[in-house]
Each structure stands twice: as structure tokens, then as C-alpha cells.
C-alpha atoms as a PDB file:
ATOM      1  CA  GLN A   1     -17.352  -9.048  -3.719  1.00  0.00           C
ATOM      2  CA  VAL A   2     -14.379  -7.174  -2.258  1.00  0.00           C
ATOM      3  CA  GLN A   3     -12.819  -4.065  -3.746  1.00  0.00           C
ATOM      4  CA  LEU A   4      -9.609  -2.305  -2.802  1.00  0.00           C
ATOM      5  CA  VAL A   5      -9.511   1.274  -4.006  1.00  0.00           C
ATOM      6  CA  GLU A   6      -6.205   3.143  -3.909  1.00  0.00           C
ATOM      7  CA  SER A   7      -5.680   6.873  -4.112  1.00  0.00           C
ATOM      8  CA  GLY A   8      -2.963   9.454  -3.602  1.00  0.00           C
ATOM      9  CA  GLY A   9      -0.499   8.696  -6.368  1.00  0.00           C
ATOM     10  CA  GLY A  10       0.889  11.293  -8.728  1.00  0.00           C
ATOM     11  CA  LEU A  11       3.947  13.235  -9.817  1.00  0.00           C
ATOM     12  CA  VAL A  12       6.310  14.577  -7.168  1.00  0.00           C
ATOM     13  CA  GLN A  13       9.771  16.078  -7.221  1.00  0.00           C
ATOM     14  CA  PRO A  14      12.721  14.266  -5.665  1.00  0.00           C
ATOM     15  CA  GLY A  15      12.750  14.849  -1.935  1.00  0.00           C
ATOM     16  CA  GLY A  16       9.001  15.333  -1.842  1.00  0.00           C
ATOM     17  CA  SER A  17       6.282  13.371  -0.090  1.00  0.00           C
ATOM     18  CA  LEU A  18       3.115  11.518  -0.994  1.00  0.00           C
ATOM     19  CA  ARG A  19       0.517   9.700   1.037  1.00  0.00           C
ATOM     20  CA  LEU A  20      -1.278   6.739  -0.478  1.00  0.00           C
ATOM     21  CA  SER A  21      -4.580   5.404   0.815  1.00  0.00           C
ATOM     22  CA  CYS A  22      -6.307   2.101   0.200  1.00  0.00           C
ATOM     23  CA  LYS A  23      -9.807   1.261   1.359  1.00  0.00           C
ATOM     24  CA  ALA A  24     -11.304  -2.207   1.322  1.00  0.00           C
ATOM     25  CA  SER A  25     -15.032  -2.362   0.758  1.00  0.00           C
ATOM     26  CA  GLY A  26     -17.673  -5.005   0.248  1.00  0.00           C
ATOM     27  CA  VAL A  27     -19.042  -7.725   2.456  1.00  0.00           C
ATOM     28  CA  ILE A  28     -16.087  -7.937   4.830  1.00  0.00           C
ATOM     29  CA  PHE A  29     -15.954  -9.370   8.314  1.00  0.00           C
ATOM     30  CA  ALA A  30     -12.478  -7.990   8.963  1.00  0.00           C
ATOM     31  CA  THR A  31      -9.113  -7.366   7.377  1.00  0.00           C
ATOM     32  CA  ASP A  32      -5.955  -9.113   8.555  1.00  0.00           C
ATOM     33  CA  ASP A  33      -2.560  -8.158   7.080  1.00  0.00           C
ATOM     34  CA  MET A  34      -2.621  -5.095   4.826  1.00  0.00           C
ATOM     35  CA  SER A  35       0.369  -4.197   2.719  1.00  0.00           C
ATOM     36  CA  TRP A  36       1.786  -2.144  -0.106  1.00  0.00           C
ATOM     37  CA  TYR A  37       3.798  -3.445  -3.036  1.00  0.00           C
ATOM     38  CA  ARG A  38       5.323  -1.674  -5.980  1.00  0.00           C
ATOM     39  CA  GLN A  39       6.312  -2.659  -9.463  1.00  0.00           C
ATOM     40  CA  SER A  40       8.409  -0.704 -11.934  1.00  0.00           C
ATOM     41  CA  PRO A  41       8.845  -1.615 -15.621  1.00  0.00           C
ATOM     42  CA  GLY A  42      10.883  -4.750 -16.131  1.00  0.00           C
ATOM     43  CA  LYS A  43      10.937  -5.649 -12.440  1.00  0.00           C
ATOM     44  CA  GLY A  44       8.967  -7.951 -10.206  1.00  0.00           C
ATOM     45  CA  ARG A  45       6.479  -6.822  -7.594  1.00  0.00           C
ATOM     46  CA  GLU A  46       8.297  -5.712  -4.421  1.00  0.00           C
ATOM     47  CA  LEU A  47       6.892  -5.511  -0.885  1.00  0.00           C
ATOM     48  CA  VAL A  48       7.452  -2.046   0.581  1.00  0.00           C
ATOM     49  CA  ALA A  49       5.404  -2.141   3.775  1.00  0.00           C
ATOM     50  CA  LEU A  50       3.122  -4.423   5.763  1.00  0.00           C
ATOM     51  CA  VAL A  51       0.999  -3.973   8.865  1.00  0.00           C
ATOM     52  CA  SER A  52      -0.738  -6.800  10.676  1.00  0.00           C
ATOM     53  CA  ARG A  53      -4.125  -6.562  12.327  1.00  0.00           C
ATOM     54  CA  ASP A  54      -2.504  -6.231  15.750  1.00  0.00           C
ATOM     55  CA  GLY A  55      -0.248  -3.441  14.534  1.00  0.00           C
ATOM     56  CA  ASN A  56       3.034  -5.195  13.866  1.00  0.00           C
ATOM     57  CA  LYS A  57       4.838  -3.559  10.959  1.00  0.00           C
ATOM     58  CA  TYR A  58       7.470  -4.591   8.470  1.00  0.00           C
ATOM     59  CA  ILE A  59       9.404  -2.101   6.373  1.00  0.00           C
ATOM     60  CA  PRO A  60      12.240  -3.423   4.189  1.00  0.00           C
ATOM     61  CA  ASP A  61      15.648  -1.789   4.325  1.00  0.00           C
ATOM     62  CA  SER A  62      15.175  -0.339   0.834  1.00  0.00           C
ATOM     63  CA  VAL A  63      12.625   2.186   2.139  1.00  0.00           C
ATOM     64  CA  LYS A  64      13.158   2.097   5.900  1.00  0.00           C
ATOM     65  CA  GLY A  65      13.381   5.566   7.401  1.00  0.00           C
ATOM     66  CA  ARG A  66      11.441   7.084   4.486  1.00  0.00           C
ATOM     67  CA  PHE A  67       8.197   5.072   4.255  1.00  0.00           C
ATOM     68  CA  THR A  68       5.747   4.438   7.056  1.00  0.00           C
ATOM     69  CA  ILE A  69       2.573   2.373   7.074  1.00  0.00           C
ATOM     70  CA  SER A  70      -0.511   2.812   9.209  1.00  0.00           C
ATOM     71  CA  ARG A  71      -4.065   1.563   9.220  1.00  0.00           C
ATOM     72  CA  ASP A  72      -7.549   2.357  10.456  1.00  0.00           C
ATOM     73  CA  ILE A  73      -9.098  -0.996  11.311  1.00  0.00           C
ATOM     74  CA  ASP A  74     -12.614   0.364  11.667  1.00  0.00           C
ATOM     75  CA  LYS A  75     -12.435   1.867   8.172  1.00  0.00           C
ATOM     76  CA  ASN A  76     -10.608  -1.112   6.611  1.00  0.00           C
ATOM     77  CA  THR A  77      -8.112   1.410   5.298  1.00  0.00           C
ATOM     78  CA  VAL A  78      -4.330   1.351   5.051  1.00  0.00           C
ATOM     79  CA  TYR A  79      -2.036   4.285   4.403  1.00  0.00           C
ATOM     80  CA  LEU A  80       1.501   4.605   3.075  1.00  0.00           C
ATOM     81  CA  GLN A  81       3.360   7.792   3.910  1.00  0.00           C
ATOM     82  CA  MET A  82       6.313   8.239   1.600  1.00  0.00           C
ATOM     83  CA  ASN A  83       8.911  10.891   2.399  1.00  0.00           C
ATOM     84  CA  LYS A  84      12.218  11.884   0.845  1.00  0.00           C
ATOM     85  CA  LEU A  85      11.129  10.308  -2.412  1.00  0.00           C
ATOM     86  CA  LYS A  86      13.752   9.315  -4.953  1.00  0.00           C
ATOM     87  CA  PRO A  87      13.473   8.748  -8.714  1.00  0.00           C
ATOM     88  CA  GLU A  88      13.985   5.030  -8.065  1.00  0.00           C
ATOM     89  CA  ASP A  89      10.737   5.021  -6.072  1.00  0.00           C
ATOM     90  CA  THR A  90       8.893   5.546  -9.346  1.00  0.00           C
ATOM     91  CA  ALA A  91       6.533   2.605  -9.799  1.00  0.00           C
ATOM     92  CA  VAL A  92       2.943   1.477  -9.730  1.00  0.00           C
ATOM     93  CA  TYR A  93       1.993   0.958  -6.104  1.00  0.00           C
ATOM     94  CA  TYR A  94      -0.466  -1.795  -5.244  1.00  0.00           C
ATOM     95  CA  CYS A  95      -2.419  -2.386  -2.075  1.00  0.00           C
ATOM     96  CA  ASN A  96      -2.971  -5.917  -0.803  1.00  0.00           C
ATOM     97  CA  ALA A  97      -5.311  -7.030   1.938  1.00  0.00           C
ATOM     98  CA  ILE A  98      -6.088 -10.362   3.521  1.00  0.00           C
ATOM     99  CA  VAL A  99      -9.842 -10.241   4.000  1.00  0.00           C
ATOM    100  CA  ARG A 100     -12.076 -12.359   6.177  1.00  0.00           C
ATOM    101  CA  ARG A 101     -15.367 -13.108   4.450  1.00  0.00           C
ATOM    102  CA  SER A 102     -18.206 -15.565   4.832  1.00  0.00           C
ATOM    103  CA  VAL A 103     -16.493 -17.853   2.312  1.00  0.00           C
ATOM    104  CA  GLY A 104     -13.169 -17.758   4.179  1.00  0.00           C
ATOM    105  CA  THR A 105     -10.015 -15.679   4.264  1.00  0.00           C
ATOM    106  CA  THR A 106      -8.838 -14.476   0.851  1.00  0.00           C
ATOM    107  CA  PRO A 107      -6.164 -12.112  -0.532  1.00  0.00           C
ATOM    108  CA  HIS A 108      -7.163  -9.162  -2.667  1.00  0.00           C
ATOM    109  CA  TRP A 109      -5.299  -6.572  -4.749  1.00  0.00           C
ATOM    110  CA  GLY A 110      -6.070  -3.016  -5.649  1.00  0.00           C
ATOM    111  CA  GLN A 111      -5.846  -1.723  -9.205  1.00  0.00           C
ATOM    112  CA  GLY A 112      -2.609   0.165  -8.566  1.00  0.00           C
ATOM    113  CA  THR A 113      -1.731   3.830  -8.438  1.00  0.00           C
ATOM    114  CA  GLN A 114       1.160   5.413 -10.316  1.00  0.00           C
ATOM    115  CA  VAL A 115       3.855   7.249  -8.383  1.00  0.00           C
ATOM    116  CA  THR A 116       6.349   9.205 -10.469  1.00  0.00           C
ATOM    117  CA  VAL A 117       9.314  10.952  -8.877  1.00  0.00           C
ATOM    118  CA  ALA A 118      10.922  13.385 -11.299  1.00  0.00           C
ATOM    119  CA  SER A 119      12.079  16.978 -11.465  1.00  0.00           C
END
């Protein structure tokens, strides 16, 4: 069984910062790509950052320059640093990890953490 546990969400004023964390636990050989998505009411799930096992990163233009992603491979943990937050960043943020297990390589999602940007 694999679990992804997110933390760090909350309420922040426009222009503020938050740091999200996501730790994968369970019987895991290794984690490959780890990423963050977000979903706001009435919209589809949107990729906001991805980091591969060898450190390659992808940040879409919508958040480039404000969001950064990093990971600690030994801890199977990924972080999302969000700066200069805007009200339109309000969403539930989900962690995703591609996990290598004895049964093969499988994708897993966290439960989501709410980020609200409001004054």
C-alpha cells in the first residue's frame, strides 16, 4: 500500500507565500516523476509543476517565476514553493507520484490540500 500525504495548505493573502509538502510512504522501491496539480471548482485538474527522478523540472507558463518544485529523493518527498500568490491560485492542490513497487510502477495521488488566496 502506498500513501501520499500532503501538508502546508491554508489561507494566505495575495502576494504571500506557501510551501506545500508531499511524502510518499509504504513499501516503495523508489519514486520516479513527482508532481503537483491543482483543481478549482468547475475546472479540470491542471499540472503546475513536475520534477523527474534525475532532477529535470517542468513549470508551466501560468505559474513560472512564482512556483518552484524540489524533491528529497531519500525521503520520497516533494515540495512546492509558491510565491506571489494570486486569488486565481485558489484551488485544491494534489500531489502525484510515480512509484516503483514490487508489483510494478504505478501512479498515486494524495488526498489534496486546500490553498485559498484572499484578503
